[in-house]
Protein backbone atom coordinates (compact mmCIF):
# COMPACT_ATOMS: atom_id res chain seq x y z
CA UNK A 1 7.05 14.67 -4.51
CA UNK A 2 10.68 13.87 -3.72
CA UNK A 3 11.37 10.72 -1.73
CA UNK A 4 14.96 11.83 -1.05
CA UNK A 5 15.93 14.33 1.64
CA UNK A 6 18.77 16.72 0.75
CA UNK A 7 19.96 17.09 4.35
CA UNK A 8 20.09 13.33 4.85
CA UNK A 9 22.41 13.04 1.87
CA UNK A 10 24.51 15.92 3.15
CA UNK A 11 24.91 14.40 6.62
CA UNK A 12 25.93 11.06 5.10
CA UNK A 13 28.70 12.70 3.06
CA UNK A 14 27.20 11.72 -0.28
CA UNK A 15 28.58 14.97 -1.77
CA UNK A 16 32.27 14.13 -1.24
CA UNK A 17 33.91 13.18 -4.53
CA UNK A 18 37.49 12.19 -5.31
CA UNK A 19 40.62 14.31 -5.62
CA UNK A 20 40.47 16.80 -8.48
CA UNK A 21 43.42 15.18 -10.26
CA UNK A 22 41.56 11.83 -10.36
CA UNK A 23 38.35 13.17 -11.84
CA UNK A 24 36.64 12.01 -15.03
CA UNK A 25 35.63 15.03 -17.19
CA UNK A 26 32.42 13.24 -18.16
CA UNK A 27 31.22 13.74 -14.58
CA UNK A 28 31.48 17.53 -14.93
CA UNK A 29 27.68 18.06 -15.16
CA UNK A 30 27.28 16.54 -11.68
CA UNK A 31 30.10 18.45 -9.94
CA UNK A 32 29.17 21.54 -7.94
CA UNK A 33 32.62 22.86 -7.05
CA UNK A 34 36.16 21.99 -5.98
CA UNK A 35 37.25 22.50 -2.38
CA UNK A 36 40.69 21.77 -0.94
CA UNK A 37 41.57 19.73 -4.00
CA UNK A 38 38.43 17.56 -3.71
CA UNK A 39 35.45 17.69 -6.04
CA UNK A 40 32.06 18.31 -4.42
CA UNK A 41 29.05 16.60 -6.01
CA UNK A 42 25.92 18.68 -6.68
CA UNK A 43 23.46 17.08 -4.26
CA UNK A 44 20.47 18.74 -5.91
CA UNK A 45 21.23 16.70 -9.01
CA UNK A 46 21.80 13.61 -6.86
CA UNK A 47 18.31 14.06 -5.38
CA UNK A 48 16.73 14.28 -8.86
CA UNK A 49 18.67 11.32 -10.24
CA UNK A 50 18.06 9.16 -7.17
CA UNK A 51 14.33 9.83 -7.34
CA UNK A 52 14.30 8.88 -11.04
CA UNK A 53 16.17 5.67 -10.31
CA UNK A 54 13.92 4.82 -7.36
CA UNK A 55 10.78 5.33 -9.47
CA UNK A 56 12.14 3.03 -12.21
CA UNK A 57 13.19 0.35 -9.70
CA UNK A 58 9.77 0.49 -8.08
CA UNK A 59 8.12 -0.27 -11.43
CA UNK A 60 10.49 -3.18 -12.04
CA UNK A 61 9.65 -4.66 -8.62
CA UNK A 62 5.94 -4.02 -9.20
CA UNK A 63 6.10 -6.03 -12.42
CA UNK A 64 7.56 -8.98 -10.49
CA UNK A 65 11.01 -8.82 -12.07
CA UNK A 66 14.36 -8.97 -10.26
CA UNK A 67 17.17 -6.46 -9.75
CA UNK A 68 20.69 -7.84 -9.27
CA UNK A 69 22.87 -5.77 -6.91
CA UNK A 70 26.64 -5.86 -7.46
CA UNK A 71 29.07 -4.55 -4.82
CA UNK A 72 32.28 -6.44 -4.18
CA UNK A 73 34.26 -3.60 -2.58
CA UNK A 74 34.97 -3.98 1.12
CA UNK A 75 33.00 -0.90 2.26
CA UNK A 76 29.84 -1.98 0.45
CA UNK A 77 29.69 -5.76 0.89
CA UNK A 78 28.08 -6.00 4.32
CA UNK A 79 25.65 -3.10 3.94
CA UNK A 80 24.44 -4.41 0.56
CA UNK A 81 23.98 -7.95 1.88
CA UNK A 82 22.03 -6.65 4.88
CA UNK A 83 19.71 -4.19 3.12
CA UNK A 84 19.11 -6.00 -0.16
CA UNK A 85 18.25 -9.27 1.59
CA UNK A 86 15.32 -7.51 3.33
CA UNK A 87 13.64 -6.83 -0.05
CA UNK A 88 14.33 -10.31 -1.41
CA UNK A 89 16.57 -9.28 -4.29
CA UNK A 90 19.69 -11.20 -5.44
CA UNK A 91 23.13 -9.71 -4.90
CA UNK A 92 26.81 -10.37 -5.58
CA UNK A 93 29.22 -9.25 -2.87
CA UNK A 94 32.11 -11.62 -3.49
CA UNK A 95 33.92 -12.02 -6.80
CA UNK A 96 32.02 -11.27 -10.02
CA UNK A 97 32.20 -14.53 -11.96
CA UNK A 98 32.93 -13.82 -15.61
CA UNK A 99 29.92 -14.67 -17.74
CA UNK A 100 27.47 -14.42 -14.84
CA UNK A 101 25.08 -12.72 -17.26
CA UNK A 102 26.41 -13.52 -20.74
CA UNK A 103 26.86 -17.19 -19.87
CA UNK A 104 23.92 -17.45 -17.50
CA UNK A 105 23.02 -21.12 -18.26
CA UNK A 106 26.44 -22.23 -16.98
CA UNK A 107 25.96 -20.22 -13.79
CA UNK A 108 22.56 -21.86 -13.32
CA UNK A 109 24.21 -25.29 -13.64
CA UNK A 110 26.60 -24.35 -10.80
CA UNK A 111 23.63 -23.26 -8.67
CA UNK A 112 21.85 -26.55 -9.44
CA UNK A 113 25.01 -28.39 -8.43
CA UNK A 114 24.74 -26.73 -5.02
CA UNK A 115 21.10 -27.79 -4.79
CA UNK A 116 21.96 -31.36 -5.74
CA UNK A 117 24.57 -31.52 -2.95
CA UNK A 118 21.93 -30.32 -0.48
CA UNK A 119 19.46 -32.93 -1.75
CA UNK A 120 22.12 -35.62 -1.49
CA UNK A 121 22.67 -34.65 2.14
CA UNK A 122 18.97 -34.64 3.01
CA UNK A 123 18.41 -38.02 1.28
CA UNK A 124 21.22 -39.66 3.23
CA UNK A 125 23.34 -40.47 0.15
CA UNK A 126 26.07 -38.20 1.52
CA UNK A 127 26.77 -40.74 4.29
CA UNK A 128 27.88 -43.32 1.71
CA UNK A 129 30.96 -41.31 0.74
CA UNK A 130 34.38 -41.69 2.31
CA UNK A 131 35.72 -39.09 4.72
CA UNK A 132 37.94 -37.60 2.02
CA UNK A 133 35.10 -37.39 -0.51
CA UNK A 134 32.86 -35.74 2.08
CA UNK A 135 35.54 -33.11 2.73
CA UNK A 136 35.87 -32.38 -1.00
CA UNK A 137 32.10 -32.05 -1.35
CA UNK A 138 31.94 -29.74 1.68
CA UNK A 139 34.64 -27.50 0.23
CA UNK A 140 32.90 -27.41 -3.14
CA UNK A 141 29.57 -26.56 -1.48
CA UNK A 142 31.16 -23.79 0.62
CA UNK A 143 32.81 -22.25 -2.45
CA UNK A 144 29.55 -22.31 -4.42
CA UNK A 145 27.66 -20.84 -1.46
CA UNK A 146 30.17 -18.03 -1.08
CA UNK A 147 30.08 -17.01 -4.73
CA UNK A 148 26.56 -17.94 -5.82
CA UNK A 149 24.49 -18.47 -2.67
CA UNK A 150 22.92 -15.02 -2.85
CA UNK A 151 21.70 -15.59 -6.43
CA UNK A 152 20.46 -19.16 -5.93
CA UNK A 153 16.85 -18.11 -6.57
CA UNK A 154 17.68 -16.08 -9.70
CA UNK A 155 16.19 -18.44 -12.27
CA UNK A 156 16.42 -16.05 -15.22
CA UNK A 157 18.39 -12.97 -16.22
CA UNK A 158 17.68 -9.94 -14.01
CA UNK A 159 15.63 -7.03 -15.35
CA UNK A 160 18.26 -4.56 -14.12
CA UNK A 161 21.66 -4.26 -12.47
CA UNK A 162 22.41 -1.96 -9.52
CA UNK A 163 26.14 -1.31 -9.22
CA UNK A 164 28.24 0.35 -6.55
CA UNK A 165 31.57 1.55 -8.00
CA UNK A 166 31.35 1.19 -11.78
CA UNK A 167 35.14 1.16 -12.11
CA UNK A 168 35.55 -1.90 -9.91
CA UNK A 169 32.51 -3.62 -11.41
CA UNK A 170 33.26 -2.75 -15.04
CA UNK A 171 32.97 -6.41 -16.14
CA UNK A 172 29.45 -6.62 -14.74
CA UNK A 173 28.53 -3.34 -16.48
CA UNK A 174 29.97 -4.57 -19.80
CA UNK A 175 27.97 -7.81 -19.63
CA UNK A 176 24.76 -5.92 -18.83
CA UNK A 177 25.38 -3.47 -21.69
CA UNK A 178 25.98 -6.36 -24.09
CA UNK A 179 22.64 -7.93 -23.16
CA UNK A 180 20.70 -4.66 -23.07
CA UNK A 181 20.04 -4.90 -19.33
CA UNK A 182 19.62 -1.40 -17.83
CA UNK A 183 22.28 -0.40 -15.31
CA UNK A 184 21.61 1.68 -12.21
CA UNK A 185 24.74 2.85 -10.40
CA UNK A 186 26.26 5.07 -7.75
CA UNK A 187 28.81 6.99 -9.82
CA UNK A 188 31.68 8.90 -8.16
CA UNK A 189 33.60 11.81 -9.72
CA UNK A 190 36.42 9.52 -10.90
CA UNK A 191 34.09 7.26 -12.92
CA UNK A 192 32.79 7.25 -16.48
CA UNK A 193 28.96 7.51 -16.51
CA UNK A 194 28.68 6.84 -20.28
CA UNK A 195 27.46 3.23 -20.07
CA UNK A 196 25.16 3.77 -17.09
CA UNK A 197 21.43 4.11 -17.81
CA UNK A 198 20.52 5.60 -14.41
CA UNK A 199 23.40 7.63 -12.99
CA UNK A 200 23.25 8.44 -9.27
CA UNK A 201 26.15 10.87 -8.65
CA UNK A 202 27.37 9.99 -5.17
CA UNK A 203 30.29 9.10 -2.94
CA UNK A 204 30.72 5.35 -3.46
CA UNK A 205 33.49 4.89 -0.88
CA UNK A 206 31.84 5.83 2.44
CA UNK A 207 29.64 3.27 4.19
CA UNK A 208 27.18 5.97 5.31
CA UNK A 209 26.81 7.28 1.77
CA UNK A 210 26.21 3.80 0.35
CA UNK A 211 23.79 3.03 3.16
CA UNK A 212 21.62 6.12 2.68
CA UNK A 213 21.37 5.58 -1.10
CA UNK A 214 20.43 1.92 -0.57
CA UNK A 215 17.78 2.94 1.99
CA UNK A 216 15.98 4.95 -0.70
CA UNK A 217 16.44 2.30 -3.39
CA UNK A 218 15.31 -0.60 -1.19
CA UNK A 219 12.31 1.39 0.08
CA UNK A 220 11.21 1.94 -3.54
CA UNK A 221 11.61 -1.76 -4.34
CA UNK A 222 9.64 -2.69 -1.21
CA UNK A 223 6.83 -0.33 -2.27
CA UNK A 224 6.71 -1.88 -5.72
CA UNK A 225 6.63 -5.40 -4.29
CA UNK A 226 3.85 -4.47 -1.85
CA UNK A 227 1.77 -2.84 -4.59
CA UNK A 228 2.16 -5.98 -6.72
CA UNK A 229 1.01 -8.09 -3.77
CA UNK A 230 -2.05 -5.86 -3.21
CA UNK A 231 -2.93 -5.94 -6.91
CA UNK A 232 -2.73 -9.74 -6.94
CA UNK A 233 -4.97 -9.92 -3.87
CA UNK A 234 -7.44 -7.55 -5.54
CA UNK A 235 -7.42 -9.66 -8.72
CA UNK A 236 -7.95 -12.79 -6.64
CA UNK A 237 -10.93 -11.23 -4.84
CA UNK A 238 -12.39 -10.04 -8.15
CA UNK A 239 -11.95 -13.51 -9.62
CA UNK A 240 -13.73 -15.04 -6.61
CA UNK A 241 -16.53 -12.48 -6.94
CA UNK A 242 -16.89 -13.27 -10.65
CA UNK A 243 -16.98 -16.99 -9.87
CA UNK A 244 -19.71 -16.45 -7.28
CA UNK A 245 -21.62 -14.23 -9.71
CA UNK A 246 -21.37 -16.92 -12.38
CA UNK A 247 -22.62 -19.53 -9.88
CA UNK A 248 -25.53 -17.28 -8.91
CA UNK A 249 -26.28 -16.64 -12.58
CA UNK A 250 -26.22 -20.37 -13.27
CA UNK A 251 -28.57 -21.04 -10.33
CA UNK A 252 -30.93 -18.34 -11.64
CA UNK A 253 -30.91 -19.88 -15.13
CA UNK A 254 -31.60 -23.33 -13.68
CA UNK A 255 -34.50 -21.99 -11.61
CA UNK A 256 -35.85 -20.18 -14.65
CA UNK A 257 -35.62 -23.30 -16.80
CA UNK A 258 -37.32 -25.40 -14.10
CA UNK A 259 -40.11 -22.83 -13.78
CA UNK A 260 -40.60 -22.72 -17.55
CA UNK A 261 -40.74 -26.54 -17.67
CA UNK A 262 -43.28 -26.65 -14.83
CA UNK A 263 -45.38 -23.93 -16.48
CA UNK A 264 -45.28 -25.82 -19.78
CA UNK A 265 -46.38 -29.04 -18.03
CA UNK A 266 -49.24 -27.22 -16.28
CA UNK A 267 -50.34 -25.64 -19.56
CA UNK A 268 -50.27 -29.02 -21.31
CA UNK A 269 -52.25 -30.59 -18.42
CA UNK A 270 -54.90 -27.85 -18.57
CA UNK A 271 -55.22 -28.36 -22.30
CA UNK A 272 -55.78 -32.09 -21.79
CA UNK A 273 -58.37 -31.41 -19.07
CA UNK A 274 -60.21 -28.92 -21.26
CA UNK A 275 -60.23 -31.37 -24.16
CA UNK A 276 -61.72 -34.10 -21.91
CA UNK A 277 -64.43 -31.73 -20.63
CA UNK A 278 -65.41 -30.75 -24.15
CA UNK A 279 -65.80 -34.42 -25.09
């Protein structure tokens, strides 16, 4: 069953590609026609590809792994930050820092630096600095927050990357490819889909188009997260039930052993009594 509605995509303008003269021939399989010098994306293929991507992202979320969203273009920044935050996934909407994936330990050090500044503030050590030093620390903290605040809880490499505009985010795609991290992406008619594992042919310039694709993607991730939560609760209940069963079994064994001991004592006592009577 499809989770994506064709008419919803149509109303959001997902089918509008770029000018014909700007097209990338490798996107030909996803183009339906050309109208007024603009390529029109085949939405039936978008539906299929979006459903495939959503199913894969759901499984990633269900396994407890993270998906890193990358969208630094103006039209996408706010909508990505808003929607992705609701499903608890990390995202990059400012500048992509070179080596964010390939040099991940260094990025983690920068995140820890931000945490250490926060700890310094909460412990009161911050008050010991001069006014100038405080200002420098504040500026450093603000810069780190702007660039890395949304990935502060990303303690290991993400299981996948979701990219909006693969041309603009080509550095992120290259790093993911180098590390073998699967890439999901909204790919417009002017882009090269070669290095994308899950291509979602779609208009990556319009806010409505980006929003409707993210709605489907985030819903799938939320489903996967919820299913993982339910499975954990089920496992916890089963573990409790097994513990109770083991306790009951232990009690039964203890009772049985006590009964056997009592029976053995009674038998021994009867034997003594019988021996005395015979004498």
